[in-house]
N, C-alpha and C. Protein backbone atom coordinates (compact mmCIF):
# COMPACT_ATOMS: atom_id res chain seq x y z
N MET A 1 0.86 -1.19 0.00
CA MET A 1 0.00 0.00 0.00
C MET A 1 0.89 1.24 0.00
N ALA A 2 0.61 2.11 -0.92
CA ALA A 2 1.37 3.36 -0.97
C ALA A 2 0.87 4.31 0.11
N GLU A 3 1.56 5.41 0.21
CA GLU A 3 1.13 6.43 1.17
C GLU A 3 -0.23 6.99 0.74
N VAL A 4 -0.98 7.44 1.73
CA VAL A 4 -2.32 7.97 1.49
C VAL A 4 -2.28 9.48 1.68
N LYS A 5 -2.83 10.21 0.71
CA LYS A 5 -2.94 11.66 0.87
C LYS A 5 -4.14 11.94 1.78
N ILE A 6 -3.88 12.62 2.89
CA ILE A 6 -4.94 12.90 3.87
C ILE A 6 -5.41 14.34 3.70
N THR A 7 -6.72 14.50 3.63
CA THR A 7 -7.33 15.83 3.56
C THR A 7 -8.37 15.93 4.67
N LYS A 8 -8.90 17.11 4.86
CA LYS A 8 -9.93 17.24 5.90
C LYS A 8 -11.16 16.40 5.53
N GLU A 9 -11.37 16.16 4.23
CA GLU A 9 -12.52 15.37 3.79
C GLU A 9 -12.37 13.89 4.14
N ASN A 10 -11.14 13.34 4.07
CA ASN A 10 -10.99 11.90 4.32
C ASN A 10 -10.28 11.59 5.64
N PHE A 11 -9.95 12.61 6.44
CA PHE A 11 -9.19 12.41 7.68
C PHE A 11 -9.89 11.43 8.63
N GLU A 12 -11.17 11.64 8.85
CA GLU A 12 -11.89 10.79 9.80
C GLU A 12 -11.87 9.34 9.34
N ARG A 13 -12.15 9.11 8.05
CA ARG A 13 -12.20 7.76 7.52
C ARG A 13 -10.81 7.10 7.50
N GLU A 14 -9.79 7.82 7.01
CA GLU A 14 -8.47 7.24 6.82
C GLU A 14 -7.65 7.14 8.11
N VAL A 15 -7.87 8.06 9.05
CA VAL A 15 -7.04 8.10 10.25
C VAL A 15 -7.83 7.68 11.50
N LEU A 16 -8.87 8.42 11.82
CA LEU A 16 -9.58 8.18 13.07
C LEU A 16 -10.31 6.84 13.09
N GLU A 17 -10.84 6.41 11.93
CA GLU A 17 -11.59 5.15 11.88
C GLU A 17 -10.75 3.98 11.39
N SER A 18 -9.45 4.17 11.19
CA SER A 18 -8.59 3.11 10.68
C SER A 18 -8.47 1.99 11.70
N ASN A 19 -8.51 0.73 11.22
CA ASN A 19 -8.37 -0.41 12.13
C ASN A 19 -6.91 -0.81 12.31
N ILE A 20 -5.99 -0.09 11.66
CA ILE A 20 -4.55 -0.29 11.87
C ILE A 20 -3.92 1.05 12.23
N PRO A 21 -2.76 1.05 12.91
CA PRO A 21 -2.11 2.32 13.25
C PRO A 21 -1.81 3.15 11.99
N VAL A 22 -1.88 4.47 12.14
CA VAL A 22 -1.62 5.37 11.02
C VAL A 22 -0.51 6.34 11.42
N LEU A 23 0.57 6.34 10.64
CA LEU A 23 1.65 7.30 10.83
C LEU A 23 1.36 8.47 9.91
N VAL A 24 1.07 9.62 10.49
CA VAL A 24 0.69 10.81 9.71
C VAL A 24 1.87 11.77 9.67
N ASP A 25 2.24 12.16 8.45
CA ASP A 25 3.33 13.09 8.20
C ASP A 25 2.75 14.44 7.81
N PHE A 26 2.96 15.44 8.66
CA PHE A 26 2.60 16.82 8.33
C PHE A 26 3.81 17.42 7.63
N TRP A 27 3.65 17.85 6.38
CA TRP A 27 4.79 18.27 5.57
C TRP A 27 4.41 19.41 4.62
N ALA A 28 5.40 19.92 3.89
CA ALA A 28 5.17 20.93 2.84
C ALA A 28 6.23 20.74 1.77
N THR A 29 5.90 21.14 0.54
CA THR A 29 6.81 20.96 -0.59
C THR A 29 8.10 21.76 -0.43
N TRP A 30 8.04 22.90 0.25
CA TRP A 30 9.20 23.78 0.40
C TRP A 30 10.10 23.41 1.57
N CYS A 31 9.74 22.37 2.31
CA CYS A 31 10.46 21.98 3.54
C CYS A 31 11.55 20.96 3.21
N GLY A 32 12.81 21.36 3.41
CA GLY A 32 13.94 20.49 3.12
C GLY A 32 13.92 19.18 3.91
N PRO A 33 13.81 19.25 5.24
CA PRO A 33 13.75 18.00 6.02
C PRO A 33 12.57 17.11 5.63
N CYS A 34 11.46 17.73 5.20
CA CYS A 34 10.30 16.94 4.75
C CYS A 34 10.66 16.14 3.50
N ARG A 35 11.38 16.77 2.58
CA ARG A 35 11.80 16.08 1.36
C ARG A 35 12.82 14.98 1.68
N MET A 36 13.66 15.20 2.70
CA MET A 36 14.65 14.20 3.10
C MET A 36 13.99 12.96 3.71
N ILE A 37 12.92 13.17 4.45
CA ILE A 37 12.28 12.04 5.15
C ILE A 37 11.30 11.30 4.24
N ALA A 38 10.88 11.91 3.14
CA ALA A 38 9.87 11.31 2.26
C ALA A 38 10.24 9.91 1.77
N PRO A 39 11.47 9.67 1.27
CA PRO A 39 11.79 8.30 0.82
C PRO A 39 11.80 7.29 1.96
N VAL A 40 12.16 7.72 3.16
CA VAL A 40 12.15 6.84 4.33
C VAL A 40 10.71 6.42 4.64
N LEU A 41 9.79 7.38 4.56
CA LEU A 41 8.39 7.08 4.83
C LEU A 41 7.81 6.16 3.76
N GLU A 42 8.23 6.35 2.51
CA GLU A 42 7.78 5.46 1.43
C GLU A 42 8.22 4.03 1.71
N GLU A 43 9.46 3.86 2.14
CA GLU A 43 9.97 2.51 2.48
C GLU A 43 9.16 1.90 3.60
N ILE A 44 8.90 2.69 4.63
CA ILE A 44 8.13 2.18 5.78
C ILE A 44 6.72 1.80 5.33
N ALA A 45 6.11 2.60 4.46
CA ALA A 45 4.77 2.29 3.97
C ALA A 45 4.76 0.96 3.22
N GLU A 46 5.78 0.74 2.37
CA GLU A 46 5.84 -0.49 1.59
C GLU A 46 6.15 -1.70 2.47
N GLU A 47 7.10 -1.55 3.39
CA GLU A 47 7.52 -2.67 4.22
C GLU A 47 6.47 -3.08 5.25
N ASN A 48 5.60 -2.15 5.63
CA ASN A 48 4.59 -2.43 6.66
C ASN A 48 3.17 -2.42 6.11
N ALA A 49 3.04 -2.58 4.79
CA ALA A 49 1.71 -2.57 4.16
C ALA A 49 0.81 -3.59 4.84
N GLY A 50 -0.38 -3.15 5.22
CA GLY A 50 -1.33 -4.03 5.87
C GLY A 50 -1.30 -3.96 7.39
N SER A 51 -0.15 -3.54 7.95
CA SER A 51 -0.07 -3.45 9.41
C SER A 51 0.04 -2.01 9.90
N ILE A 52 0.55 -1.13 9.03
CA ILE A 52 0.64 0.31 9.35
C ILE A 52 0.32 1.09 8.09
N LYS A 53 -0.47 2.13 8.25
CA LYS A 53 -0.79 3.02 7.14
C LYS A 53 0.04 4.29 7.30
N VAL A 54 0.58 4.79 6.19
CA VAL A 54 1.31 6.06 6.22
C VAL A 54 0.49 7.09 5.47
N GLY A 55 0.12 8.16 6.17
CA GLY A 55 -0.66 9.24 5.58
C GLY A 55 0.14 10.52 5.54
N LYS A 56 -0.10 11.33 4.50
CA LYS A 56 0.64 12.58 4.34
C LYS A 56 -0.36 13.73 4.31
N ILE A 57 -0.10 14.75 5.14
CA ILE A 57 -0.94 15.95 5.16
C ILE A 57 -0.07 17.13 4.78
N ASN A 58 -0.37 17.73 3.64
CA ASN A 58 0.34 18.93 3.19
C ASN A 58 -0.23 20.11 3.98
N VAL A 59 0.60 20.73 4.82
CA VAL A 59 0.11 21.79 5.71
C VAL A 59 -0.33 23.04 4.94
N ASP A 60 0.20 23.23 3.73
CA ASP A 60 -0.22 24.37 2.93
C ASP A 60 -1.62 24.14 2.34
N GLU A 61 -1.94 22.89 2.04
CA GLU A 61 -3.25 22.56 1.46
C GLU A 61 -4.30 22.30 2.53
N GLU A 62 -3.85 21.90 3.73
CA GLU A 62 -4.77 21.53 4.82
C GLU A 62 -4.42 22.28 6.11
N PRO A 63 -4.48 23.62 6.09
CA PRO A 63 -4.09 24.38 7.29
C PRO A 63 -4.98 24.10 8.49
N GLU A 64 -6.25 23.72 8.25
CA GLU A 64 -7.15 23.45 9.37
C GLU A 64 -6.67 22.24 10.17
N LEU A 65 -6.21 21.20 9.47
CA LEU A 65 -5.73 20.01 10.18
C LEU A 65 -4.44 20.33 10.93
N ALA A 66 -3.56 21.11 10.32
CA ALA A 66 -2.32 21.50 10.99
C ALA A 66 -2.63 22.28 12.26
N MET A 67 -3.60 23.19 12.20
CA MET A 67 -3.97 23.98 13.37
C MET A 67 -4.64 23.09 14.43
N GLN A 68 -5.49 22.18 13.99
CA GLN A 68 -6.21 21.29 14.91
C GLN A 68 -5.23 20.49 15.77
N PHE A 69 -4.12 20.07 15.16
CA PHE A 69 -3.14 19.26 15.89
C PHE A 69 -1.93 20.07 16.35
N ARG A 70 -2.07 21.39 16.32
CA ARG A 70 -1.05 22.32 16.83
C ARG A 70 0.34 22.05 16.24
N VAL A 71 0.37 21.86 14.92
CA VAL A 71 1.65 21.63 14.24
C VAL A 71 2.34 22.98 14.07
N ALA A 72 3.47 23.15 14.75
CA ALA A 72 4.21 24.40 14.71
C ALA A 72 5.44 24.29 13.82
N SER A 73 6.01 23.09 13.73
CA SER A 73 7.20 22.85 12.92
C SER A 73 6.95 21.61 12.08
N ILE A 74 7.59 21.57 10.91
CA ILE A 74 7.47 20.39 10.07
C ILE A 74 8.86 19.91 9.68
N PRO A 75 9.02 18.62 9.43
CA PRO A 75 7.97 17.60 9.50
C PRO A 75 7.59 17.26 10.94
N THR A 76 6.28 17.12 11.15
CA THR A 76 5.76 16.57 12.40
C THR A 76 5.12 15.23 12.05
N LEU A 77 5.50 14.21 12.78
CA LEU A 77 4.96 12.87 12.56
C LEU A 77 4.16 12.46 13.79
N MET A 78 2.93 12.01 13.55
CA MET A 78 2.06 11.56 14.63
C MET A 78 1.61 10.15 14.33
N LEU A 79 1.70 9.29 15.33
CA LEU A 79 1.22 7.92 15.20
C LEU A 79 -0.15 7.84 15.88
N PHE A 80 -1.16 7.55 15.08
CA PHE A 80 -2.52 7.41 15.60
C PHE A 80 -2.84 5.94 15.80
N LYS A 81 -3.36 5.62 16.98
CA LYS A 81 -3.84 4.27 17.27
C LYS A 81 -5.23 4.41 17.86
N GLY A 82 -6.18 3.73 17.27
CA GLY A 82 -7.55 3.79 17.78
C GLY A 82 -8.12 5.19 17.76
N GLY A 83 -7.72 6.00 16.78
CA GLY A 83 -8.25 7.35 16.64
C GLY A 83 -7.61 8.39 17.54
N GLN A 84 -6.58 7.99 18.30
CA GLN A 84 -5.90 8.90 19.21
C GLN A 84 -4.42 9.01 18.85
N VAL A 85 -3.81 10.17 19.15
CA VAL A 85 -2.38 10.34 18.95
C VAL A 85 -1.67 9.54 20.05
N ALA A 86 -0.91 8.52 19.63
CA ALA A 86 -0.19 7.67 20.58
C ALA A 86 1.24 8.18 20.78
N LYS A 87 1.87 8.63 19.70
CA LYS A 87 3.24 9.13 19.76
C LYS A 87 3.39 10.26 18.76
N MET A 88 4.39 11.13 19.02
CA MET A 88 4.61 12.26 18.13
C MET A 88 6.10 12.60 18.12
N THR A 89 6.60 13.03 16.98
CA THR A 89 7.97 13.49 16.87
C THR A 89 8.02 14.65 15.87
N VAL A 90 8.98 15.53 16.07
CA VAL A 90 9.13 16.70 15.21
C VAL A 90 10.54 16.71 14.64
N GLY A 91 10.64 17.01 13.34
CA GLY A 91 11.96 17.09 12.71
C GLY A 91 12.32 15.81 11.99
N TYR A 92 13.44 15.85 11.29
CA TYR A 92 13.91 14.69 10.54
C TYR A 92 14.20 13.52 11.48
N GLN A 93 13.78 12.35 11.08
CA GLN A 93 14.04 11.12 11.83
C GLN A 93 14.65 10.10 10.88
N THR A 94 15.58 9.30 11.39
CA THR A 94 16.13 8.22 10.58
C THR A 94 15.10 7.10 10.51
N LYS A 95 15.34 6.17 9.59
CA LYS A 95 14.43 5.02 9.48
C LYS A 95 14.41 4.24 10.78
N GLN A 96 15.56 4.08 11.40
CA GLN A 96 15.63 3.34 12.67
C GLN A 96 14.81 4.04 13.75
N GLN A 97 14.91 5.37 13.83
CA GLN A 97 14.13 6.11 14.83
C GLN A 97 12.63 5.95 14.58
N LEU A 98 12.25 5.99 13.31
CA LEU A 98 10.83 5.83 12.99
C LEU A 98 10.33 4.42 13.31
N GLN A 99 11.16 3.41 13.04
CA GLN A 99 10.77 2.05 13.36
C GLN A 99 10.60 1.87 14.86
N GLN A 100 11.45 2.52 15.65
CA GLN A 100 11.31 2.46 17.11
C GLN A 100 10.00 3.12 17.53
N MET A 101 9.65 4.23 16.88
CA MET A 101 8.40 4.93 17.18
C MET A 101 7.20 4.03 16.89
N LEU A 102 7.31 3.21 15.86
CA LEU A 102 6.20 2.36 15.45
C LEU A 102 6.08 1.09 16.30
N SER A 103 7.12 0.74 17.01
CA SER A 103 7.09 -0.52 17.76
C SER A 103 6.39 -0.36 19.11
């Protein structure tokens, strides 16, 4: 399963109602660290297909969601389990750090 583009229209269905954990990446096209972490997130999405969903929220396109979750810096990554934020990290993370976050 590839990464899922999350919008305010599909957020509830894709994230809050998901029966598997969802790693949500708040990002923007102009953000250098966001571009650096993107291939790592793609790998995680492919390697964990079926057990973890990776969603991407472009903060420029979805400012309401960014404000709702008080995203002040990007990339901000939030792990949702059962519709709740279980873990959160801000800034570039290595693949190993992200895998630890998911475990």
